[in-house]
């Protein structure tokens, strides 16, 4: 495996949004000399100014939300990110007491996970926002196809296990939203999750399918011993955390096994 493929999620995503070579614990202000930075101006002298504007925009939106009493200093950071995203996208509800829409729940789950990966609150907001936007644009047509792909690859790996799921009528009730819409946010710990998101950011959401398949394969004995859709679904929504790193490693192996080296395969 090359060094590029081993980079963590934050490094890859910073590169995707125009900051090449930023290591996970370093500030976004540390920039390498690269004239092709996509969303950033081509001149290096402008980078610090753009980052200053990003921070000012963040603080302006935060202030506006405090004025209308949607957030306060006690509001959790992930919820702040959500309210900022809602305001900037024109979807802020009339009252903070209104129930969240499903898409808001997805954003909130991703923001909570991102908060564990990114220390700076400004960086956390912008990266979460761009990650969610990528899911909603680049992968808009691909994500709904992942449940079907999941059954296809699980059948190839262990047809008996898939048959058991269908006999228990659990196949349509599997936690697909947790797996594919939230990209396992709230399911896998941060150390494992960022390895999965690394692949998503790099150009392929199909890695999500293989993580789901590997979860079933890893806990096959447990799942086969359960005989109701409710019990199986509940277990899969709360899998043991101590196996997560091994699951992701095996999922990446499955990904390469079935898709070759799908660096940009959606």
C-alpha atoms as a PDB file:
ATOM      1  CA  UNK A   1       0.000   0.000   0.000  1.00  0.00           C
ATOM      2  CA  UNK A   2       1.409   3.422  -0.909  1.00  0.00           C
ATOM      3  CA  UNK A   3       1.983   6.233   1.556  1.00  0.00           C
ATOM      4  CA  UNK A   4      -0.804   8.215  -0.132  1.00  0.00           C
ATOM      5  CA  UNK A   5      -3.343   5.495   0.558  1.00  0.00           C
ATOM      6  CA  UNK A   6      -2.378   5.419   4.226  1.00  0.00           C
ATOM      7  CA  UNK A   7      -2.977   9.093   4.919  1.00  0.00           C
ATOM      8  CA  UNK A   8      -5.629   9.840   7.467  1.00  0.00           C
ATOM      9  CA  UNK A   9      -9.005  11.352   6.668  1.00  0.00           C
ATOM     10  CA  UNK A  10      -8.158  14.889   7.697  1.00  0.00           C
ATOM     11  CA  UNK A  11      -5.050  15.083   5.530  1.00  0.00           C
ATOM     12  CA  UNK A  12      -6.901  13.798   2.474  1.00  0.00           C
ATOM     13  CA  UNK A  13      -9.875  16.060   2.986  1.00  0.00           C
ATOM     14  CA  UNK A  14      -7.743  19.162   3.525  1.00  0.00           C
ATOM     15  CA  UNK A  15      -6.097  18.321   0.215  1.00  0.00           C
ATOM     16  CA  UNK A  16      -9.465  17.899  -1.472  1.00  0.00           C
ATOM     17  CA  UNK A  17     -10.600  21.373  -0.433  1.00  0.00           C
ATOM     18  CA  UNK A  18      -7.338  22.944  -1.468  1.00  0.00           C
ATOM     19  CA  UNK A  19      -4.843  22.429   1.332  1.00  0.00           C
ATOM     20  CA  UNK A  20      -2.307  19.899   0.196  1.00  0.00           C
ATOM     21  CA  UNK A  21      -0.061  18.164   2.691  1.00  0.00           C
ATOM     22  CA  UNK A  22      -1.697  19.299   5.909  1.00  0.00           C
ATOM     23  CA  UNK A  23      -1.083  16.774   8.665  1.00  0.00           C
ATOM     24  CA  UNK A  24      -3.820  15.846  11.115  1.00  0.00           C
ATOM     25  CA  UNK A  25      -2.604  17.856  14.099  1.00  0.00           C
ATOM     26  CA  UNK A  26      -1.404  20.900  12.173  1.00  0.00           C
ATOM     27  CA  UNK A  27      -3.257  24.100  11.442  1.00  0.00           C
ATOM     28  CA  UNK A  28      -4.884  24.832   8.097  1.00  0.00           C
ATOM     29  CA  UNK A  29      -2.531  27.785   7.882  1.00  0.00           C
ATOM     30  CA  UNK A  30       0.354  25.432   7.095  1.00  0.00           C
ATOM     31  CA  UNK A  31       0.264  25.371   3.315  1.00  0.00           C
ATOM     32  CA  UNK A  32       2.611  23.843   0.799  1.00  0.00           C
ATOM     33  CA  UNK A  33       3.464  25.608  -2.419  1.00  0.00           C
ATOM     34  CA  UNK A  34       0.891  24.418  -4.936  1.00  0.00           C
ATOM     35  CA  UNK A  35      -0.693  26.701  -7.490  1.00  0.00           C
ATOM     36  CA  UNK A  36      -3.591  24.382  -8.266  1.00  0.00           C
ATOM     37  CA  UNK A  37      -5.667  24.624  -5.121  1.00  0.00           C
ATOM     38  CA  UNK A  38      -9.140  24.428  -6.594  1.00  0.00           C
ATOM     39  CA  UNK A  39     -11.418  26.634  -4.498  1.00  0.00           C
ATOM     40  CA  UNK A  40      -8.579  28.826  -3.250  1.00  0.00           C
ATOM     41  CA  UNK A  41      -6.944  31.658  -5.203  1.00  0.00           C
ATOM     42  CA  UNK A  42      -3.890  30.564  -7.214  1.00  0.00           C
ATOM     43  CA  UNK A  43      -1.593  32.975  -5.374  1.00  0.00           C
ATOM     44  CA  UNK A  44      -0.144  31.750  -2.110  1.00  0.00           C
ATOM     45  CA  UNK A  45      -0.289  35.236  -0.658  1.00  0.00           C
ATOM     46  CA  UNK A  46      -4.103  35.042  -0.730  1.00  0.00           C
ATOM     47  CA  UNK A  47      -4.456  31.848   1.299  1.00  0.00           C
ATOM     48  CA  UNK A  48      -4.128  33.421   4.736  1.00  0.00           C
ATOM     49  CA  UNK A  49      -6.627  36.092   3.737  1.00  0.00           C
ATOM     50  CA  UNK A  50      -9.114  33.496   2.507  1.00  0.00           C
ATOM     51  CA  UNK A  51      -8.801  31.578   5.762  1.00  0.00           C
ATOM     52  CA  UNK A  52      -9.345  34.815   7.650  1.00  0.00           C
ATOM     53  CA  UNK A  53     -12.533  35.409   5.640  1.00  0.00           C
ATOM     54  CA  UNK A  54     -13.677  31.859   6.415  1.00  0.00           C
ATOM     55  CA  UNK A  55     -13.187  32.479  10.122  1.00  0.00           C
ATOM     56  CA  UNK A  56     -14.940  35.851   9.935  1.00  0.00           C
ATOM     57  CA  UNK A  57     -17.874  34.262   8.118  1.00  0.00           C
ATOM     58  CA  UNK A  58     -18.065  31.575  10.776  1.00  0.00           C
ATOM     59  CA  UNK A  59     -18.065  34.160  13.575  1.00  0.00           C
ATOM     60  CA  UNK A  60     -20.660  36.327  11.796  1.00  0.00           C
ATOM     61  CA  UNK A  61     -23.053  33.412  11.359  1.00  0.00           C
ATOM     62  CA  UNK A  62     -22.441  32.292  14.925  1.00  0.00           C
ATOM     63  CA  UNK A  63     -23.239  35.789  16.185  1.00  0.00           C
ATOM     64  CA  UNK A  64     -26.451  35.894  14.134  1.00  0.00           C
ATOM     65  CA  UNK A  65     -27.579  32.585  15.621  1.00  0.00           C
ATOM     66  CA  UNK A  66     -26.898  33.873  19.126  1.00  0.00           C
ATOM     67  CA  UNK A  67     -28.898  37.046  18.432  1.00  0.00           C
ATOM     68  CA  UNK A  68     -31.948  35.029  17.389  1.00  0.00           C
ATOM     69  CA  UNK A  69     -31.314  32.688  20.332  1.00  0.00           C
ATOM     70  CA  UNK A  70     -30.844  29.529  18.332  1.00  0.00           C
ATOM     71  CA  UNK A  71     -27.517  28.826  20.027  1.00  0.00           C
ATOM     72  CA  UNK A  72     -25.679  29.951  23.136  1.00  0.00           C
ATOM     73  CA  UNK A  73     -22.237  29.449  24.611  1.00  0.00           C
ATOM     74  CA  UNK A  74     -23.564  26.223  26.147  1.00  0.00           C
ATOM     75  CA  UNK A  75     -24.776  24.753  22.829  1.00  0.00           C
ATOM     76  CA  UNK A  76     -22.808  21.617  21.815  1.00  0.00           C
ATOM     77  CA  UNK A  77     -20.425  22.262  18.936  1.00  0.00           C
ATOM     78  CA  UNK A  78     -22.092  19.749  16.621  1.00  0.00           C
ATOM     79  CA  UNK A  79     -25.455  21.458  17.060  1.00  0.00           C
ATOM     80  CA  UNK A  80     -23.826  24.831  16.394  1.00  0.00           C
ATOM     81  CA  UNK A  81     -22.493  23.430  13.114  1.00  0.00           C
ATOM     82  CA  UNK A  82     -25.958  22.185  12.207  1.00  0.00           C
ATOM     83  CA  UNK A  83     -27.639  25.527  12.914  1.00  0.00           C
ATOM     84  CA  UNK A  84     -24.978  27.363  10.930  1.00  0.00           C
ATOM     85  CA  UNK A  85     -25.465  25.020   8.014  1.00  0.00           C
ATOM     86  CA  UNK A  86     -29.243  25.451   8.194  1.00  0.00           C
ATOM     87  CA  UNK A  87     -28.954  29.225   8.262  1.00  0.00           C
ATOM     88  CA  UNK A  88     -26.501  29.416   5.372  1.00  0.00           C
ATOM     89  CA  UNK A  89     -28.576  27.033   3.263  1.00  0.00           C
ATOM     90  CA  UNK A  90     -31.834  28.853   3.997  1.00  0.00           C
ATOM     91  CA  UNK A  91     -33.308  25.974   6.003  1.00  0.00           C
ATOM     92  CA  UNK A  92     -33.235  27.319   9.530  1.00  0.00           C
ATOM     93  CA  UNK A  93     -36.574  26.431  11.183  1.00  0.00           C
ATOM     94  CA  UNK A  94     -38.736  29.093  12.806  1.00  0.00           C
ATOM     95  CA  UNK A  95     -37.928  27.745  16.260  1.00  0.00           C
ATOM     96  CA  UNK A  96     -35.038  25.720  17.701  1.00  0.00           C
ATOM     97  CA  UNK A  97     -37.662  23.534  19.381  1.00  0.00           C
ATOM     98  CA  UNK A  98     -38.918  22.217  16.033  1.00  0.00           C
ATOM     99  CA  UNK A  99     -38.050  18.534  15.478  1.00  0.00           C
ATOM    100  CA  UNK A 100     -35.081  17.853  13.240  1.00  0.00           C
ATOM    101  CA  UNK A 101     -35.597  16.651   9.672  1.00  0.00           C
ATOM    102  CA  UNK A 102     -33.936  13.346   8.692  1.00  0.00           C
ATOM    103  CA  UNK A 103     -31.280  15.230   6.720  1.00  0.00           C
ATOM    104  CA  UNK A 104     -30.553  17.315   9.832  1.00  0.00           C
ATOM    105  CA  UNK A 105     -30.072  14.146  11.884  1.00  0.00           C
ATOM    106  CA  UNK A 106     -27.542  12.968   9.302  1.00  0.00           C
ATOM    107  CA  UNK A 107     -25.637  16.254   9.413  1.00  0.00           C
ATOM    108  CA  UNK A 108     -25.662  16.246  13.224  1.00  0.00           C
ATOM    109  CA  UNK A 109     -24.297  12.699  13.422  1.00  0.00           C
ATOM    110  CA  UNK A 110     -21.488  13.520  10.990  1.00  0.00           C
ATOM    111  CA  UNK A 111     -20.704  16.768  12.815  1.00  0.00           C
ATOM    112  CA  UNK A 112     -20.455  14.928  16.146  1.00  0.00           C
ATOM    113  CA  UNK A 113     -17.992  12.456  14.646  1.00  0.00           C
ATOM    114  CA  UNK A 114     -16.032  15.222  12.911  1.00  0.00           C
ATOM    115  CA  UNK A 115     -15.719  17.064  16.199  1.00  0.00           C
ATOM    116  CA  UNK A 116     -13.686  14.129  17.509  1.00  0.00           C
ATOM    117  CA  UNK A 117     -11.352  14.333  14.510  1.00  0.00           C
ATOM    118  CA  UNK A 118     -10.876  18.071  14.095  1.00  0.00           C
ATOM    119  CA  UNK A 119      -9.858  20.191  17.061  1.00  0.00           C
ATOM    120  CA  UNK A 120     -10.583  23.673  15.726  1.00  0.00           C
ATOM    121  CA  UNK A 121     -14.290  24.585  15.650  1.00  0.00           C
ATOM    122  CA  UNK A 122     -13.981  26.690  12.488  1.00  0.00           C
ATOM    123  CA  UNK A 123     -12.206  23.904  10.625  1.00  0.00           C
ATOM    124  CA  UNK A 124     -14.760  21.403  11.951  1.00  0.00           C
ATOM    125  CA  UNK A 125     -17.647  23.391  10.499  1.00  0.00           C
ATOM    126  CA  UNK A 126     -16.149  23.923   7.068  1.00  0.00           C
ATOM    127  CA  UNK A 127     -14.973  20.326   6.685  1.00  0.00           C
ATOM    128  CA  UNK A 128     -18.300  18.915   7.894  1.00  0.00           C
ATOM    129  CA  UNK A 129     -20.158  21.182   5.515  1.00  0.00           C
ATOM    130  CA  UNK A 130     -18.054  20.152   2.529  1.00  0.00           C
ATOM    131  CA  UNK A 131     -18.225  16.479   3.439  1.00  0.00           C
ATOM    132  CA  UNK A 132     -22.029  16.578   3.636  1.00  0.00           C
ATOM    133  CA  UNK A 133     -22.223  18.570   0.412  1.00  0.00           C
ATOM    134  CA  UNK A 134     -20.141  15.901  -1.294  1.00  0.00           C
ATOM    135  CA  UNK A 135     -22.569  13.233  -0.117  1.00  0.00           C
ATOM    136  CA  UNK A 136     -25.517  15.284  -1.353  1.00  0.00           C
ATOM    137  CA  UNK A 137     -24.047  16.071  -4.763  1.00  0.00           C
ATOM    138  CA  UNK A 138     -21.365  13.677  -5.996  1.00  0.00           C
ATOM    139  CA  UNK A 139     -22.928  10.627  -4.335  1.00  0.00           C
ATOM    140  CA  UNK A 140     -26.570  11.656  -4.593  1.00  0.00           C
ATOM    141  CA  UNK A 141     -27.365   8.960  -7.157  1.00  0.00           C
ATOM    142  CA  UNK A 142     -24.963   6.335  -5.791  1.00  0.00           C
ATOM    143  CA  UNK A 143     -26.026   6.212  -2.138  1.00  0.00           C
ATOM    144  CA  UNK A 144     -29.566   4.874  -2.805  1.00  0.00           C
ATOM    145  CA  UNK A 145     -27.988   1.966  -4.723  1.00  0.00           C
ATOM    146  CA  UNK A 146     -25.788   0.815  -1.840  1.00  0.00           C
ATOM    147  CA  UNK A 147     -28.351  -1.454  -0.091  1.00  0.00           C
ATOM    148  CA  UNK A 148     -28.706  -3.469  -3.302  1.00  0.00           C
ATOM    149  CA  UNK A 149     -24.919  -3.634  -3.680  1.00  0.00           C
ATOM    150  CA  UNK A 150     -24.649  -4.738  -0.057  1.00  0.00           C
ATOM    151  CA  UNK A 151     -26.897  -7.759  -0.681  1.00  0.00           C
ATOM    152  CA  UNK A 152     -24.988  -8.561  -3.859  1.00  0.00           C
ATOM    153  CA  UNK A 153     -21.569  -8.650  -2.192  1.00  0.00           C
ATOM    154  CA  UNK A 154     -22.807 -10.334   0.978  1.00  0.00           C
ATOM    155  CA  UNK A 155     -24.277 -13.063  -1.198  1.00  0.00           C
ATOM    156  CA  UNK A 156     -20.901 -13.520  -2.895  1.00  0.00           C
ATOM    157  CA  UNK A 157     -19.089 -13.711   0.451  1.00  0.00           C
ATOM    158  CA  UNK A 158     -21.628 -15.745   2.423  1.00  0.00           C
ATOM    159  CA  UNK A 159     -24.903 -16.659   0.738  1.00  0.00           C
ATOM    160  CA  UNK A 160     -26.073 -18.605   3.788  1.00  0.00           C
ATOM    161  CA  UNK A 161     -25.833 -15.516   5.949  1.00  0.00           C
ATOM    162  CA  UNK A 162     -27.879 -13.472   3.471  1.00  0.00           C
ATOM    163  CA  UNK A 163     -30.477 -16.237   3.358  1.00  0.00           C
ATOM    164  CA  UNK A 164     -30.741 -16.111   7.154  1.00  0.00           C
ATOM    165  CA  UNK A 165     -31.330 -12.343   7.021  1.00  0.00           C
ATOM    166  CA  UNK A 166     -34.075 -12.795   4.456  1.00  0.00           C
ATOM    167  CA  UNK A 167     -35.707 -15.634   6.393  1.00  0.00           C
ATOM    168  CA  UNK A 168     -35.837 -13.355   9.439  1.00  0.00           C
ATOM    169  CA  UNK A 169     -37.325 -10.608   7.227  1.00  0.00           C
ATOM    170  CA  UNK A 170     -34.557  -8.298   8.382  1.00  0.00           C
ATOM    171  CA  UNK A 171     -32.987  -7.440   5.015  1.00  0.00           C
ATOM    172  CA  UNK A 172     -35.254  -4.401   4.362  1.00  0.00           C
ATOM    173  CA  UNK A 173     -34.880  -3.299   8.007  1.00  0.00           C
ATOM    174  CA  UNK A 174     -31.101  -3.251   8.226  1.00  0.00           C
ATOM    175  CA  UNK A 175     -29.601   0.043   9.502  1.00  0.00           C
ATOM    176  CA  UNK A 176     -28.940   1.369   6.026  1.00  0.00           C
ATOM    177  CA  UNK A 177     -29.326   5.007   7.093  1.00  0.00           C
ATOM    178  CA  UNK A 178     -26.682   4.553   9.781  1.00  0.00           C
ATOM    179  CA  UNK A 179     -24.370   2.780   7.373  1.00  0.00           C
ATOM    180  CA  UNK A 180     -24.819   4.675   4.137  1.00  0.00           C
ATOM    181  CA  UNK A 181     -26.382   8.085   4.859  1.00  0.00           C
ATOM    182  CA  UNK A 182     -24.426   8.756   8.050  1.00  0.00           C
ATOM    183  CA  UNK A 183     -21.371   6.896   6.720  1.00  0.00           C
ATOM    184  CA  UNK A 184     -21.131   4.920   9.992  1.00  0.00           C
ATOM    185  CA  UNK A 185     -21.011   8.060  12.153  1.00  0.00           C
ATOM    186  CA  UNK A 186     -22.218   6.900  15.546  1.00  0.00           C
ATOM    187  CA  UNK A 187     -21.433   3.284  14.682  1.00  0.00           C
ATOM    188  CA  UNK A 188     -17.639   3.159  14.434  1.00  0.00           C
ATOM    189  CA  UNK A 189     -15.147   4.910  16.740  1.00  0.00           C
ATOM    190  CA  UNK A 190     -13.227   7.883  15.363  1.00  0.00           C
ATOM    191  CA  UNK A 191      -9.995   5.970  14.815  1.00  0.00           C
ATOM    192  CA  UNK A 192     -11.755   3.519  12.509  1.00  0.00           C
ATOM    193  CA  UNK A 193     -14.217   5.973  11.038  1.00  0.00           C
ATOM    194  CA  UNK A 194     -11.614   8.299   9.609  1.00  0.00           C
ATOM    195  CA  UNK A 195     -10.090   5.429   7.615  1.00  0.00           C
ATOM    196  CA  UNK A 196     -13.484   4.835   6.005  1.00  0.00           C
ATOM    197  CA  UNK A 197     -14.103   8.523   5.362  1.00  0.00           C
ATOM    198  CA  UNK A 198     -10.640   8.764   3.838  1.00  0.00           C
ATOM    199  CA  UNK A 199     -11.875   6.459   1.064  1.00  0.00           C
ATOM    200  CA  UNK A 200     -15.179   8.300   0.680  1.00  0.00           C
ATOM    201  CA  UNK A 201     -13.419  11.639   0.315  1.00  0.00           C
ATOM    202  CA  UNK A 202     -10.883  10.150  -2.080  1.00  0.00           C
ATOM    203  CA  UNK A 203     -13.647   9.302  -4.527  1.00  0.00           C
ATOM    204  CA  UNK A 204     -15.545   6.134  -3.624  1.00  0.00           C
ATOM    205  CA  UNK A 205     -18.609   5.637  -1.486  1.00  0.00           C
ATOM    206  CA  UNK A 206     -18.623   1.911  -2.261  1.00  0.00           C
ATOM    207  CA  UNK A 207     -16.246   1.328   0.650  1.00  0.00           C
ATOM    208  CA  UNK A 208     -19.343   1.799   2.839  1.00  0.00           C
ATOM    209  CA  UNK A 209     -20.833  -1.353   1.325  1.00  0.00           C
ATOM    210  CA  UNK A 210     -17.801  -3.446   2.209  1.00  0.00           C
ATOM    211  CA  UNK A 211     -17.684  -2.140   5.759  1.00  0.00           C
ATOM    212  CA  UNK A 212     -21.307  -3.235   6.163  1.00  0.00           C
ATOM    213  CA  UNK A 213     -20.564  -6.624   4.619  1.00  0.00           C
ATOM    214  CA  UNK A 214     -17.548  -7.137   6.880  1.00  0.00           C
ATOM    215  CA  UNK A 215     -19.608  -6.242   9.956  1.00  0.00           C
ATOM    216  CA  UNK A 216     -21.993  -9.087   9.067  1.00  0.00           C
ATOM    217  CA  UNK A 217     -19.141 -11.486   8.369  1.00  0.00           C
ATOM    218  CA  UNK A 218     -17.331 -10.581  11.590  1.00  0.00           C
ATOM    219  CA  UNK A 219     -20.418 -11.106  13.727  1.00  0.00           C
ATOM    220  CA  UNK A 220     -21.838 -13.988  11.700  1.00  0.00           C
ATOM    221  CA  UNK A 221     -22.128 -16.384  14.644  1.00  0.00           C
ATOM    222  CA  UNK A 222     -23.955 -13.798  16.731  1.00  0.00           C
ATOM    223  CA  UNK A 223     -26.286 -12.794  13.887  1.00  0.00           C
ATOM    224  CA  UNK A 224     -27.056 -16.403  12.949  1.00  0.00           C
ATOM    225  CA  UNK A 225     -28.035 -17.049  16.557  1.00  0.00           C
ATOM    226  CA  UNK A 226     -30.590 -14.254  16.511  1.00  0.00           C
ATOM    227  CA  UNK A 227     -33.957 -15.140  15.018  1.00  0.00           C
ATOM    228  CA  UNK A 228     -35.865 -11.883  14.843  1.00  0.00           C
ATOM    229  CA  UNK A 229     -35.488  -8.768  12.719  1.00  0.00           C
ATOM    230  CA  UNK A 230     -35.709  -6.535  15.777  1.00  0.00           C
ATOM    231  CA  UNK A 231     -32.895  -8.301  17.632  1.00  0.00           C
ATOM    232  CA  UNK A 232     -30.602  -8.407  14.599  1.00  0.00           C
ATOM    233  CA  UNK A 233     -31.161  -4.753  13.775  1.00  0.00           C
ATOM    234  CA  UNK A 234     -30.605  -3.676  17.379  1.00  0.00           C
ATOM    235  CA  UNK A 235     -27.343  -5.615  17.539  1.00  0.00           C
ATOM    236  CA  UNK A 236     -26.062  -4.174  14.246  1.00  0.00           C
ATOM    237  CA  UNK A 237     -26.841  -0.649  15.402  1.00  0.00           C
ATOM    238  CA  UNK A 238     -24.678  -1.172  18.481  1.00  0.00           C
ATOM    239  CA  UNK A 239     -21.822  -3.425  17.463  1.00  0.00           C
ATOM    240  CA  UNK A 240     -18.896  -3.971  19.862  1.00  0.00           C
ATOM    241  CA  UNK A 241     -16.268  -1.267  19.370  1.00  0.00           C
ATOM    242  CA  UNK A 242     -13.202  -3.410  20.031  1.00  0.00           C
ATOM    243  CA  UNK A 243     -13.425  -5.085  16.616  1.00  0.00           C
ATOM    244  CA  UNK A 244     -13.755  -1.887  14.582  1.00  0.00           C
ATOM    245  CA  UNK A 245     -10.172  -1.504  13.367  1.00  0.00           C
ATOM    246  CA  UNK A 246     -10.042  -5.124  12.204  1.00  0.00           C
ATOM    247  CA  UNK A 247     -13.422  -4.739  10.492  1.00  0.00           C
ATOM    248  CA  UNK A 248     -12.255  -1.705   8.546  1.00  0.00           C
ATOM    249  CA  UNK A 249      -8.986  -3.367   7.537  1.00  0.00           C
ATOM    250  CA  UNK A 250     -10.834  -6.441   6.254  1.00  0.00           C
ATOM    251  CA  UNK A 251     -13.406  -4.221   4.539  1.00  0.00           C
ATOM    252  CA  UNK A 252     -10.643  -2.438   2.647  1.00  0.00           C
ATOM    253  CA  UNK A 253      -9.281  -5.836   1.592  1.00  0.00           C
ATOM    254  CA  UNK A 254     -12.755  -6.807   0.352  1.00  0.00           C
ATOM    255  CA  UNK A 255     -13.008  -3.513  -1.484  1.00  0.00           C
ATOM    256  CA  UNK A 256      -9.804  -4.232  -3.371  1.00  0.00           C
ATOM    257  CA  UNK A 257     -10.775  -7.853  -3.905  1.00  0.00           C
ATOM    258  CA  UNK A 258     -14.023  -7.000  -5.675  1.00  0.00           C
ATOM    259  CA  UNK A 259     -13.150  -3.630  -7.204  1.00  0.00           C
ATOM    260  CA  UNK A 260      -9.420  -3.843  -7.858  1.00  0.00           C
ATOM    261  CA  UNK A 261      -7.899  -0.502  -6.880  1.00  0.00           C
ATOM    262  CA  UNK A 262     -11.025   1.645  -7.095  1.00  0.00           C
ATOM    263  CA  UNK A 263      -9.505   4.980  -6.153  1.00  0.00           C
ATOM    264  CA  UNK A 264     -12.274   6.957  -7.840  1.00  0.00           C
ATOM    265  CA  UNK A 265     -15.012   4.342  -8.095  1.00  0.00           C
ATOM    266  CA  UNK A 266     -18.335   5.581  -6.781  1.00  0.00           C
END
